[in-house]
Amino acid sequence: MLALRNDVYRRPLETALTRLGVGIGWKCVDVGAGGGDVSVALSQIVGDLGRVYALDSDPLSRDEVAMAAAKFDAQVIAITQAGEDLLLPEPVNLAYCRFLLMHVIDPAKVLSKMASAIGSGGWLVAQEPITSSGRVDGLPFTMPDARHPDIGAFLPKLVSDSGLTVTDAWAEAPASFGPGPIAQYLSHLTGADDLRGSIVLPPLVTVIAQK
């Protein structure tokens, strides 16, 4: 479904969107959009009748999203805005974030803003890791630059506390041995070379909730 061929965590996202039945005409916001891969993929699902807002606090991301959207002729509106300040011109059917709450100062505030952006009956999908549960050759994975590296372990409660009804939640961890996409992903993330042993990436906790 999704044009995320190099995204090793794409399966949990595909599962979530399939369960929700995201389709033509949906309005979505991708909070912490980064380079816009997920935003562009969502725009290809919702089509010309839908709309995708790609939100990121980094002004450089707006240009990256614009270039990605132009490449695929995608209907994406890039906005420079922090998740804590989320404000859209219209309610959305889906508010989405991944690998965002682990970095922000106040995850609860961001989730509250996302919940407020959703129209009645709309959905939130949040995906965050339990970083310390990842393993490289049996050794725990660390991410010292993240403010909340294990926030995935608390994600269902955080989403529920935002006033939404949690309808589904699960964790999924890609794993591999030797060279391949997962080793390449981890090498890009950490800068480490020659990752040839057993790799279990941090479990990604997916929470689906409805307003």
N, C-alpha and C. Protein backbone atom coordinates (compact mmCIF):
# COMPACT_ATOMS: atom_id res chain seq x y z
N MET A 1 0.82 -1.20 0.00
CA MET A 1 0.00 0.00 0.00
C MET A 1 0.86 1.26 0.00
N LEU A 2 1.81 1.36 0.94
CA LEU A 2 2.58 2.58 1.10
C LEU A 2 3.86 2.56 0.28
N ALA A 3 4.18 3.70 -0.29
CA ALA A 3 5.42 3.82 -1.06
C ALA A 3 6.58 4.15 -0.12
N LEU A 4 6.87 3.23 0.78
CA LEU A 4 7.93 3.40 1.77
C LEU A 4 8.87 2.20 1.69
N ARG A 5 9.47 2.01 0.54
CA ARG A 5 10.22 0.78 0.29
C ARG A 5 11.42 0.60 1.21
N ASN A 6 12.03 1.70 1.63
CA ASN A 6 13.23 1.61 2.46
C ASN A 6 12.93 1.82 3.94
N ASP A 7 11.66 1.83 4.30
CA ASP A 7 11.25 2.07 5.67
C ASP A 7 11.07 0.73 6.38
N VAL A 8 12.00 0.40 7.27
CA VAL A 8 11.95 -0.92 7.91
C VAL A 8 10.79 -1.03 8.90
N TYR A 9 10.20 0.08 9.29
CA TYR A 9 9.06 0.06 10.20
C TYR A 9 7.74 0.28 9.45
N ARG A 10 7.71 0.08 8.15
CA ARG A 10 6.50 0.42 7.41
C ARG A 10 5.33 -0.53 7.70
N ARG A 11 5.62 -1.77 8.07
CA ARG A 11 4.53 -2.72 8.26
C ARG A 11 3.56 -2.32 9.37
N PRO A 12 4.03 -1.84 10.54
CA PRO A 12 3.06 -1.40 11.55
C PRO A 12 2.19 -0.24 11.07
N LEU A 13 2.76 0.65 10.26
CA LEU A 13 1.96 1.76 9.73
C LEU A 13 0.93 1.26 8.74
N GLU A 14 1.32 0.37 7.85
CA GLU A 14 0.38 -0.20 6.90
C GLU A 14 -0.77 -0.90 7.62
N THR A 15 -0.42 -1.64 8.67
CA THR A 15 -1.45 -2.35 9.44
C THR A 15 -2.45 -1.37 10.04
N ALA A 16 -1.93 -0.29 10.65
CA ALA A 16 -2.80 0.68 11.29
C ALA A 16 -3.73 1.36 10.28
N LEU A 17 -3.19 1.79 9.15
CA LEU A 17 -4.00 2.49 8.16
C LEU A 17 -5.03 1.57 7.53
N THR A 18 -4.66 0.30 7.36
CA THR A 18 -5.61 -0.68 6.80
C THR A 18 -6.77 -0.91 7.77
N ARG A 19 -6.46 -1.03 9.06
CA ARG A 19 -7.52 -1.26 10.05
C ARG A 19 -8.48 -0.08 10.12
N LEU A 20 -7.96 1.14 9.89
CA LEU A 20 -8.81 2.33 9.95
C LEU A 20 -9.58 2.55 8.65
N GLY A 21 -9.13 1.92 7.58
CA GLY A 21 -9.77 2.12 6.30
C GLY A 21 -9.51 3.49 5.70
N VAL A 22 -8.32 4.03 5.96
CA VAL A 22 -7.97 5.35 5.40
C VAL A 22 -8.09 5.29 3.88
N GLY A 23 -8.78 6.29 3.31
CA GLY A 23 -9.02 6.23 1.87
C GLY A 23 -9.26 7.60 1.27
N ILE A 24 -9.83 7.59 0.09
CA ILE A 24 -10.06 8.80 -0.68
C ILE A 24 -10.84 9.84 0.14
N GLY A 25 -10.34 11.07 0.10
CA GLY A 25 -11.05 12.17 0.73
C GLY A 25 -10.68 12.45 2.18
N TRP A 26 -9.88 11.58 2.79
CA TRP A 26 -9.50 11.81 4.19
C TRP A 26 -8.61 13.04 4.30
N LYS A 27 -8.73 13.75 5.42
CA LYS A 27 -7.84 14.84 5.76
C LYS A 27 -6.93 14.38 6.90
N CYS A 28 -5.63 14.53 6.73
CA CYS A 28 -4.66 13.98 7.68
C CYS A 28 -3.63 15.03 8.05
N VAL A 29 -3.03 14.85 9.23
CA VAL A 29 -1.86 15.64 9.61
C VAL A 29 -0.78 14.70 10.09
N ASP A 30 0.41 14.87 9.54
CA ASP A 30 1.59 14.10 9.90
C ASP A 30 2.46 15.02 10.76
N VAL A 31 2.44 14.79 12.08
CA VAL A 31 3.13 15.68 13.02
C VAL A 31 4.56 15.18 13.21
N GLY A 32 5.52 16.08 13.01
CA GLY A 32 6.92 15.67 13.00
C GLY A 32 7.24 14.96 11.70
N ALA A 33 6.87 15.59 10.59
CA ALA A 33 6.90 14.92 9.29
C ALA A 33 8.30 14.66 8.75
N GLY A 34 9.30 15.40 9.24
CA GLY A 34 10.64 15.20 8.73
C GLY A 34 10.73 15.45 7.24
N GLY A 35 11.30 14.48 6.52
CA GLY A 35 11.44 14.61 5.07
C GLY A 35 10.16 14.39 4.29
N GLY A 36 9.10 13.97 4.96
CA GLY A 36 7.80 13.88 4.31
C GLY A 36 7.46 12.56 3.65
N ASP A 37 8.22 11.51 3.91
CA ASP A 37 7.93 10.22 3.28
C ASP A 37 6.53 9.72 3.61
N VAL A 38 6.17 9.78 4.90
CA VAL A 38 4.85 9.31 5.30
C VAL A 38 3.77 10.25 4.78
N SER A 39 4.04 11.55 4.80
CA SER A 39 3.06 12.52 4.29
C SER A 39 2.74 12.26 2.83
N VAL A 40 3.77 12.02 2.04
CA VAL A 40 3.58 11.76 0.61
C VAL A 40 2.81 10.45 0.42
N ALA A 41 3.17 9.43 1.19
CA ALA A 41 2.48 8.15 1.08
C ALA A 41 1.00 8.30 1.44
N LEU A 42 0.71 9.07 2.49
CA LEU A 42 -0.68 9.31 2.87
C LEU A 42 -1.44 10.05 1.76
N SER A 43 -0.76 11.01 1.13
CA SER A 43 -1.44 11.78 0.08
C SER A 43 -1.81 10.90 -1.11
N GLN A 44 -1.01 9.87 -1.35
CA GLN A 44 -1.33 8.96 -2.45
C GLN A 44 -2.54 8.10 -2.12
N ILE A 45 -2.81 7.93 -0.83
CA ILE A 45 -3.99 7.16 -0.41
C ILE A 45 -5.24 8.03 -0.44
N VAL A 46 -5.14 9.25 0.06
CA VAL A 46 -6.34 10.09 0.18
C VAL A 46 -6.71 10.77 -1.13
N GLY A 47 -5.75 10.84 -2.07
CA GLY A 47 -6.05 11.36 -3.41
C GLY A 47 -6.30 12.86 -3.46
N ASP A 48 -6.73 13.32 -4.62
CA ASP A 48 -6.94 14.74 -4.84
C ASP A 48 -8.08 15.31 -4.00
N LEU A 49 -8.99 14.44 -3.57
CA LEU A 49 -10.11 14.91 -2.77
C LEU A 49 -9.75 15.04 -1.30
N GLY A 50 -8.60 14.49 -0.93
CA GLY A 50 -8.14 14.57 0.44
C GLY A 50 -7.11 15.66 0.63
N ARG A 51 -6.54 15.70 1.84
CA ARG A 51 -5.55 16.70 2.13
C ARG A 51 -4.62 16.17 3.21
N VAL A 52 -3.32 16.44 3.08
CA VAL A 52 -2.34 16.02 4.08
C VAL A 52 -1.52 17.24 4.50
N TYR A 53 -1.54 17.52 5.79
CA TYR A 53 -0.71 18.57 6.36
C TYR A 53 0.56 17.91 6.91
N ALA A 54 1.72 18.36 6.45
CA ALA A 54 3.00 17.86 6.93
C ALA A 54 3.59 18.90 7.88
N LEU A 55 3.62 18.57 9.15
CA LEU A 55 3.99 19.53 10.18
C LEU A 55 5.36 19.18 10.77
N ASP A 56 6.27 20.15 10.84
CA ASP A 56 7.56 19.92 11.48
C ASP A 56 8.09 21.25 11.99
N SER A 57 8.81 21.20 13.11
CA SER A 57 9.36 22.42 13.71
C SER A 57 10.60 22.92 12.98
N ASP A 58 11.23 22.07 12.19
CA ASP A 58 12.44 22.44 11.46
C ASP A 58 12.08 23.09 10.12
N PRO A 59 12.44 24.35 9.91
CA PRO A 59 12.10 25.01 8.64
C PRO A 59 12.66 24.29 7.42
N LEU A 60 13.80 23.61 7.57
CA LEU A 60 14.39 22.90 6.44
C LEU A 60 13.51 21.75 5.98
N SER A 61 12.73 21.20 6.91
CA SER A 61 11.85 20.09 6.56
C SER A 61 10.78 20.52 5.57
N ARG A 62 10.34 21.76 5.67
CA ARG A 62 9.31 22.25 4.74
C ARG A 62 9.79 22.14 3.30
N ASP A 63 11.06 22.50 3.06
CA ASP A 63 11.61 22.40 1.71
C ASP A 63 11.75 20.95 1.27
N GLU A 64 12.17 20.08 2.21
CA GLU A 64 12.31 18.66 1.89
C GLU A 64 10.96 18.05 1.53
N VAL A 65 9.94 18.41 2.29
CA VAL A 65 8.59 17.90 2.02
C VAL A 65 8.11 18.39 0.67
N ALA A 66 8.35 19.67 0.39
CA ALA A 66 7.90 20.24 -0.88
C ALA A 66 8.54 19.53 -2.06
N MET A 67 9.84 19.23 -1.94
CA MET A 67 10.53 18.53 -3.03
C MET A 67 10.01 17.10 -3.18
N ALA A 68 9.78 16.43 -2.05
CA ALA A 68 9.25 15.06 -2.11
C ALA A 68 7.85 15.04 -2.71
N ALA A 69 7.03 16.02 -2.32
CA ALA A 69 5.67 16.08 -2.84
C ALA A 69 5.66 16.37 -4.34
N ALA A 70 6.55 17.27 -4.78
CA ALA A 70 6.61 17.60 -6.20
C ALA A 70 7.04 16.40 -7.03
N LYS A 71 7.92 15.60 -6.48
CA LYS A 71 8.42 14.42 -7.19
C LYS A 71 7.30 13.44 -7.49
N PHE A 72 6.35 13.33 -6.57
CA PHE A 72 5.25 12.37 -6.72
C PHE A 72 3.93 13.05 -7.05
N ASP A 73 3.99 14.37 -7.33
CA ASP A 73 2.77 15.13 -7.64
C ASP A 73 1.74 14.94 -6.54
N ALA A 74 2.20 15.04 -5.29
CA ALA A 74 1.35 14.77 -4.13
C ALA A 74 0.73 16.05 -3.59
N GLN A 75 -0.49 15.93 -3.08
CA GLN A 75 -1.20 17.06 -2.48
C GLN A 75 -0.84 17.15 -1.00
N VAL A 76 0.29 17.80 -0.71
CA VAL A 76 0.77 17.92 0.66
C VAL A 76 0.99 19.40 0.98
N ILE A 77 0.50 19.81 2.14
CA ILE A 77 0.70 21.18 2.60
C ILE A 77 1.72 21.15 3.73
N ALA A 78 2.92 21.69 3.47
CA ALA A 78 4.01 21.67 4.45
C ALA A 78 3.92 22.90 5.35
N ILE A 79 3.99 22.68 6.66
CA ILE A 79 3.86 23.76 7.64
C ILE A 79 5.01 23.67 8.63
N THR A 80 5.65 24.81 8.88
CA THR A 80 6.68 24.87 9.92
C THR A 80 6.00 25.21 11.24
N GLN A 81 5.87 24.22 12.09
CA GLN A 81 5.15 24.40 13.35
C GLN A 81 5.51 23.27 14.31
N ALA A 82 5.73 23.59 15.55
CA ALA A 82 6.02 22.56 16.55
C ALA A 82 4.73 21.84 16.94
N GLY A 83 4.86 20.59 17.33
CA GLY A 83 3.69 19.83 17.75
C GLY A 83 2.97 20.47 18.93
N GLU A 84 3.72 21.13 19.81
CA GLU A 84 3.11 21.79 20.96
C GLU A 84 2.24 22.98 20.55
N ASP A 85 2.44 23.47 19.33
CA ASP A 85 1.68 24.63 18.84
C ASP A 85 0.70 24.25 17.73
N LEU A 86 0.44 22.97 17.58
CA LEU A 86 -0.38 22.48 16.47
C LEU A 86 -1.70 23.24 16.34
N LEU A 87 -1.90 23.84 15.18
CA LEU A 87 -3.13 24.55 14.89
C LEU A 87 -3.38 24.47 13.39
N LEU A 88 -4.50 23.87 13.00
CA LEU A 88 -4.82 23.67 11.60
C LEU A 88 -6.08 24.45 11.22
N PRO A 89 -6.26 24.74 9.93
CA PRO A 89 -7.43 25.51 9.50
C PRO A 89 -8.72 24.69 9.47
N GLU A 90 -8.63 23.39 9.68
CA GLU A 90 -9.81 22.53 9.63
C GLU A 90 -9.56 21.26 10.45
N PRO A 91 -10.62 20.62 10.92
CA PRO A 91 -10.45 19.34 11.62
C PRO A 91 -9.97 18.27 10.64
N VAL A 92 -9.25 17.29 11.17
CA VAL A 92 -8.74 16.20 10.33
C VAL A 92 -9.37 14.87 10.75
N ASN A 93 -9.34 13.93 9.83
CA ASN A 93 -9.81 12.57 10.12
C ASN A 93 -8.75 11.73 10.81
N LEU A 94 -7.48 12.10 10.57
CA LEU A 94 -6.37 11.32 11.13
C LEU A 94 -5.23 12.24 11.53
N ALA A 95 -4.79 12.10 12.78
CA ALA A 95 -3.57 12.75 13.26
C ALA A 95 -2.55 11.66 13.52
N TYR A 96 -1.36 11.81 12.95
CA TYR A 96 -0.36 10.74 13.00
C TYR A 96 0.98 11.29 13.46
N CYS A 97 1.70 10.49 14.24
CA CYS A 97 3.09 10.81 14.57
C CYS A 97 3.87 9.51 14.77
N ARG A 98 5.17 9.61 14.49
CA ARG A 98 6.08 8.46 14.69
C ARG A 98 7.46 9.00 15.02
N PHE A 99 8.09 8.42 16.03
CA PHE A 99 9.42 8.86 16.47
C PHE A 99 9.44 10.36 16.74
N LEU A 100 8.35 10.88 17.27
CA LEU A 100 8.25 12.31 17.60
C LEU A 100 8.22 12.54 19.10
N LEU A 101 7.34 11.84 19.79
CA LEU A 101 7.13 12.09 21.22
C LEU A 101 8.38 11.77 22.03
N MET A 102 9.23 10.91 21.53
CA MET A 102 10.46 10.57 22.23
C MET A 102 11.44 11.75 22.29
N HIS A 103 11.21 12.74 21.43
CA HIS A 103 12.13 13.87 21.34
C HIS A 103 11.58 15.17 21.93
N VAL A 104 10.28 15.31 22.04
CA VAL A 104 9.70 16.58 22.48
C VAL A 104 9.83 16.74 24.00
N ILE A 105 9.69 17.98 24.47
CA ILE A 105 9.80 18.24 25.90
C ILE A 105 8.58 17.70 26.64
N ASP A 106 7.39 17.92 26.10
CA ASP A 106 6.15 17.54 26.79
C ASP A 106 5.27 16.69 25.87
N PRO A 107 5.46 15.37 25.87
CA PRO A 107 4.66 14.50 25.00
C PRO A 107 3.16 14.62 25.24
N ALA A 108 2.76 14.79 26.49
CA ALA A 108 1.33 14.88 26.80
C ALA A 108 0.70 16.10 26.13
N LYS A 109 1.42 17.21 26.09
CA LYS A 109 0.90 18.42 25.46
C LYS A 109 0.73 18.23 23.96
N VAL A 110 1.71 17.57 23.33
CA VAL A 110 1.62 17.31 21.89
C VAL A 110 0.43 16.42 21.59
N LEU A 111 0.24 15.36 22.37
CA LEU A 111 -0.90 14.47 22.16
C LEU A 111 -2.22 15.21 22.37
N SER A 112 -2.27 16.10 23.35
CA SER A 112 -3.48 16.88 23.57
C SER A 112 -3.79 17.77 22.37
N LYS A 113 -2.76 18.39 21.79
CA LYS A 113 -2.94 19.22 20.60
C LYS A 113 -3.41 18.37 19.41
N MET A 114 -2.84 17.19 19.27
CA MET A 114 -3.25 16.30 18.19
C MET A 114 -4.71 15.89 18.36
N ALA A 115 -5.09 15.59 19.60
CA ALA A 115 -6.47 15.20 19.87
C ALA A 115 -7.43 16.34 19.53
N SER A 116 -7.02 17.56 19.82
CA SER A 116 -7.87 18.72 19.53
C SER A 116 -8.02 18.96 18.04
N ALA A 117 -7.03 18.53 17.26
CA ALA A 117 -7.06 18.75 15.81
C ALA A 117 -7.97 17.77 15.09
N ILE A 118 -8.37 16.71 15.78
CA ILE A 118 -9.18 15.66 15.15
C ILE A 118 -10.66 16.02 15.25
N GLY A 119 -11.38 15.80 14.15
CA GLY A 119 -12.82 15.98 14.17
C GLY A 119 -13.52 14.84 14.89
N SER A 120 -14.78 15.02 15.22
CA SER A 120 -15.55 13.99 15.91
C SER A 120 -15.55 12.69 15.11
N GLY A 121 -15.21 11.59 15.77
CA GLY A 121 -15.15 10.29 15.11
C GLY A 121 -13.83 10.02 14.42
N GLY A 122 -12.93 11.02 14.44
CA GLY A 122 -11.63 10.85 13.79
C GLY A 122 -10.66 10.03 14.62
N TRP A 123 -9.46 9.85 14.07
CA TRP A 123 -8.52 8.89 14.64
C TRP A 123 -7.15 9.52 14.91
N LEU A 124 -6.48 8.95 15.89
CA LEU A 124 -5.06 9.25 16.15
C LEU A 124 -4.28 7.95 16.08
N VAL A 125 -3.14 8.01 15.39
CA VAL A 125 -2.20 6.89 15.38
C VAL A 125 -0.85 7.42 15.83
N ALA A 126 -0.35 6.88 16.93
CA ALA A 126 0.96 7.27 17.45
C ALA A 126 1.86 6.04 17.50
N GLN A 127 3.10 6.20 17.05
CA GLN A 127 4.05 5.09 17.02
C GLN A 127 5.37 5.56 17.64
N GLU A 128 5.74 4.94 18.74
CA GLU A 128 6.96 5.32 19.46
C GLU A 128 7.69 4.07 19.96
N PRO A 129 9.02 4.15 20.09
CA PRO A 129 9.80 2.95 20.42
C PRO A 129 9.99 2.72 21.91
N ILE A 130 10.38 1.50 22.22
CA ILE A 130 10.96 1.17 23.53
C ILE A 130 12.43 0.91 23.23
N THR A 131 13.21 1.98 23.24
CA THR A 131 14.57 1.92 22.69
C THR A 131 15.45 0.89 23.39
N SER A 132 15.38 0.83 24.71
CA SER A 132 16.29 -0.05 25.45
C SER A 132 16.00 -1.52 25.23
N SER A 133 14.85 -1.85 24.61
CA SER A 133 14.54 -3.25 24.32
C SER A 133 15.16 -3.74 23.02
N GLY A 134 15.73 -2.83 22.24
CA GLY A 134 16.44 -3.24 21.04
C GLY A 134 17.76 -3.92 21.39
N ARG A 135 18.23 -4.76 20.51
CA ARG A 135 19.47 -5.48 20.77
C ARG A 135 20.35 -5.53 19.51
N VAL A 136 21.65 -5.33 19.72
CA VAL A 136 22.64 -5.52 18.67
C VAL A 136 23.66 -6.51 19.21
N ASP A 137 23.66 -7.72 18.63
CA ASP A 137 24.48 -8.81 19.15
C ASP A 137 24.23 -9.02 20.65
N GLY A 138 22.99 -8.91 21.05
CA GLY A 138 22.60 -9.17 22.43
C GLY A 138 22.74 -7.99 23.37
N LEU A 139 23.38 -6.93 22.91
CA LEU A 139 23.59 -5.77 23.78
C LEU A 139 22.45 -4.77 23.62
N PRO A 140 22.01 -4.14 24.74
CA PRO A 140 20.89 -3.20 24.66
C PRO A 140 21.21 -2.01 23.76
N PHE A 141 20.19 -1.57 23.06
CA PHE A 141 20.30 -0.42 22.16
C PHE A 141 20.08 0.85 22.97
N THR A 142 20.83 1.90 22.68
CA THR A 142 20.66 3.16 23.39
C THR A 142 20.50 4.31 22.40
N MET A 143 19.84 5.36 22.84
CA MET A 143 19.69 6.56 22.04
C MET A 143 19.81 7.76 22.98
N PRO A 144 21.04 8.16 23.32
CA PRO A 144 21.26 9.17 24.35
C PRO A 144 20.71 10.54 24.02
N ASP A 145 20.48 10.83 22.74
CA ASP A 145 19.98 12.16 22.37
C ASP A 145 18.47 12.30 22.55
N ALA A 146 17.78 11.19 22.78
CA ALA A 146 16.32 11.24 22.93
C ALA A 146 15.94 11.61 24.36
N ARG A 147 14.97 12.47 24.50
CA ARG A 147 14.51 12.86 25.84
C ARG A 147 13.74 11.73 26.53
N HIS A 148 12.98 10.97 25.75
CA HIS A 148 12.14 9.90 26.31
C HIS A 148 12.34 8.64 25.47
N PRO A 149 13.50 8.00 25.57
CA PRO A 149 13.81 6.89 24.66
C PRO A 149 12.89 5.67 24.80
N ASP A 150 12.27 5.49 25.95
CA ASP A 150 11.40 4.33 26.16
C ASP A 150 9.92 4.73 26.27
N ILE A 151 9.55 5.83 25.64
CA ILE A 151 8.19 6.35 25.79
C ILE A 151 7.14 5.38 25.24
N GLY A 152 7.54 4.49 24.34
CA GLY A 152 6.60 3.51 23.82
C GLY A 152 5.97 2.66 24.92
N ALA A 153 6.71 2.45 26.01
CA ALA A 153 6.21 1.63 27.11
C ALA A 153 5.05 2.29 27.84
N PHE A 154 4.92 3.61 27.69
CA PHE A 154 3.86 4.36 28.37
C PHE A 154 2.83 4.92 27.38
N LEU A 155 3.00 4.62 26.11
CA LEU A 155 2.20 5.29 25.08
C LEU A 155 0.70 5.05 25.20
N PRO A 156 0.22 3.83 25.43
CA PRO A 156 -1.23 3.65 25.52
C PRO A 156 -1.88 4.54 26.58
N LYS A 157 -1.25 4.66 27.75
CA LYS A 157 -1.82 5.51 28.81
C LYS A 157 -1.74 6.98 28.42
N LEU A 158 -0.62 7.40 27.83
CA LEU A 158 -0.48 8.80 27.42
C LEU A 158 -1.57 9.19 26.43
N VAL A 159 -1.84 8.31 25.48
CA VAL A 159 -2.89 8.60 24.49
C VAL A 159 -4.25 8.63 25.15
N SER A 160 -4.51 7.70 26.05
CA SER A 160 -5.79 7.67 26.76
C SER A 160 -5.97 8.93 27.59
N ASP A 161 -4.90 9.40 28.21
CA ASP A 161 -4.98 10.60 29.05
C ASP A 161 -5.26 11.85 28.22
N SER A 162 -5.06 11.78 26.91
CA SER A 162 -5.34 12.94 26.06
C SER A 162 -6.84 13.10 25.78
N GLY A 163 -7.64 12.15 26.28
CA GLY A 163 -9.08 12.24 26.13
C GLY A 163 -9.65 11.38 25.01
N LEU A 164 -8.80 10.60 24.36
CA LEU A 164 -9.25 9.73 23.27
C LEU A 164 -9.49 8.32 23.79
N THR A 165 -10.23 7.54 23.03
CA THR A 165 -10.50 6.15 23.39
C THR A 165 -9.56 5.23 22.63
N VAL A 166 -8.69 4.56 23.35
CA VAL A 166 -7.75 3.63 22.72
C VAL A 166 -8.51 2.39 22.25
N THR A 167 -8.41 2.10 20.95
CA THR A 167 -9.12 0.96 20.39
C THR A 167 -8.20 -0.20 20.04
N ASP A 168 -6.90 0.06 19.94
CA ASP A 168 -5.95 -1.01 19.60
C ASP A 168 -4.55 -0.55 19.95
N ALA A 169 -3.70 -1.49 20.30
CA ALA A 169 -2.30 -1.19 20.59
C ALA A 169 -1.48 -2.47 20.48
N TRP A 170 -0.29 -2.36 19.93
CA TRP A 170 0.59 -3.52 19.82
C TRP A 170 2.02 -3.04 19.61
N ALA A 171 2.97 -3.97 19.75
CA ALA A 171 4.38 -3.66 19.53
C ALA A 171 4.94 -4.60 18.48
N GLU A 172 5.85 -4.09 17.66
CA GLU A 172 6.44 -4.88 16.58
C GLU A 172 7.89 -4.47 16.41
N ALA A 173 8.79 -5.45 16.28
CA ALA A 173 10.21 -5.17 16.18
C ALA A 173 10.82 -5.91 15.00
N PRO A 174 11.28 -5.20 13.99
CA PRO A 174 12.00 -5.84 12.88
C PRO A 174 13.32 -6.43 13.38
N ALA A 175 13.70 -7.56 12.81
CA ALA A 175 14.94 -8.21 13.22
C ALA A 175 15.64 -8.80 12.00
N SER A 176 16.96 -8.98 12.14
CA SER A 176 17.72 -9.54 11.01
C SER A 176 19.04 -10.10 11.50
N PHE A 177 19.72 -10.80 10.60
CA PHE A 177 21.09 -11.27 10.85
C PHE A 177 21.92 -10.98 9.61
N GLY A 178 23.03 -10.30 9.81
CA GLY A 178 23.91 -10.02 8.68
C GLY A 178 23.50 -8.78 7.91
N PRO A 179 24.15 -8.55 6.78
CA PRO A 179 23.88 -7.34 5.98
C PRO A 179 22.45 -7.34 5.45
N GLY A 180 21.92 -6.15 5.23
CA GLY A 180 20.56 -6.02 4.70
C GLY A 180 19.97 -4.68 5.09
N PRO A 181 18.69 -4.47 4.76
CA PRO A 181 18.05 -3.17 5.02
C PRO A 181 18.08 -2.76 6.49
N ILE A 182 17.89 -3.73 7.40
CA ILE A 182 17.85 -3.38 8.82
C ILE A 182 19.23 -2.95 9.31
N ALA A 183 20.26 -3.66 8.89
CA ALA A 183 21.62 -3.27 9.25
C ALA A 183 21.96 -1.90 8.66
N GLN A 184 21.54 -1.66 7.44
CA GLN A 184 21.79 -0.36 6.81
C GLN A 184 21.07 0.75 7.56
N TYR A 185 19.84 0.49 7.96
CA TYR A 185 19.06 1.48 8.71
C TYR A 185 19.77 1.81 10.02
N LEU A 186 20.20 0.78 10.74
CA LEU A 186 20.85 0.99 12.03
C LEU A 186 22.19 1.70 11.86
N SER A 187 22.90 1.36 10.80
CA SER A 187 24.17 2.03 10.52
C SER A 187 23.96 3.51 10.25
N HIS A 188 22.92 3.83 9.49
CA HIS A 188 22.60 5.23 9.21
C HIS A 188 22.21 5.96 10.48
N LEU A 189 21.50 5.28 11.37
CA LEU A 189 21.00 5.89 12.60
C LEU A 189 22.12 6.15 13.60
N THR A 190 23.06 5.22 13.68
CA THR A 190 24.09 5.30 14.72
C THR A 190 25.47 5.70 14.22
N GLY A 191 25.68 5.57 12.90
CA GLY A 191 27.01 5.84 12.36
C GLY A 191 27.97 4.68 12.49
N ALA A 192 27.50 3.57 13.07
CA ALA A 192 28.35 2.40 13.24
C ALA A 192 28.48 1.64 11.93
N ASP A 193 29.67 1.11 11.67
CA ASP A 193 29.92 0.34 10.46
C ASP A 193 30.00 -1.15 10.78
N ASP A 194 29.91 -1.94 9.73
CA ASP A 194 30.13 -3.38 9.82
C ASP A 194 29.19 -4.04 10.84
N LEU A 195 27.89 -3.76 10.73
CA LEU A 195 26.90 -4.38 11.59
C LEU A 195 26.46 -5.69 10.94
N ARG A 196 27.08 -6.78 11.35
CA ARG A 196 26.85 -8.06 10.69
C ARG A 196 26.23 -9.12 11.60
N GLY A 197 26.04 -8.82 12.87
CA GLY A 197 25.50 -9.80 13.79
C GLY A 197 23.99 -9.78 13.83
N SER A 198 23.45 -10.31 14.92
CA SER A 198 22.00 -10.32 15.12
C SER A 198 21.53 -8.93 15.53
N ILE A 199 20.50 -8.47 14.88
CA ILE A 199 19.95 -7.15 15.18
C ILE A 199 18.45 -7.29 15.43
N VAL A 200 18.00 -6.80 16.58
CA VAL A 200 16.57 -6.67 16.87
C VAL A 200 16.34 -5.19 17.14
N LEU A 201 15.69 -4.51 16.21
CA LEU A 201 15.45 -3.09 16.39
C LEU A 201 14.51 -2.85 17.57
N PRO A 202 14.55 -1.66 18.14
CA PRO A 202 13.62 -1.37 19.25
C PRO A 202 12.17 -1.60 18.85
N PRO A 203 11.40 -2.29 19.69
CA PRO A 203 9.98 -2.48 19.37
C PRO A 203 9.28 -1.14 19.19
N LEU A 204 8.49 -1.05 18.14
CA LEU A 204 7.70 0.16 17.88
C LEU A 204 6.28 -0.10 18.37
N VAL A 205 5.87 0.67 19.37
CA VAL A 205 4.53 0.53 19.92
C VAL A 205 3.58 1.40 19.11
N THR A 206 2.54 0.79 18.57
CA THR A 206 1.51 1.50 17.81
C THR A 206 0.25 1.59 18.65
N VAL A 207 -0.28 2.79 18.78
CA VAL A 207 -1.53 3.00 19.51
C VAL A 207 -2.53 3.66 18.56
N ILE A 208 -3.71 3.07 18.45
CA ILE A 208 -4.80 3.63 17.66
C ILE A 208 -5.88 4.08 18.63
N ALA A 209 -6.34 5.33 18.45
CA ALA A 209 -7.37 5.86 19.34
C ALA A 209 -8.36 6.68 18.54
N GLN A 210 -9.59 6.77 19.05
CA GLN A 210 -10.66 7.49 18.36
C GLN A 210 -11.22 8.60 19.24
N LYS A 211 -11.64 9.67 18.58
CA LYS A 211 -12.26 10.79 19.28
C LYS A 211 -13.78 10.64 19.26
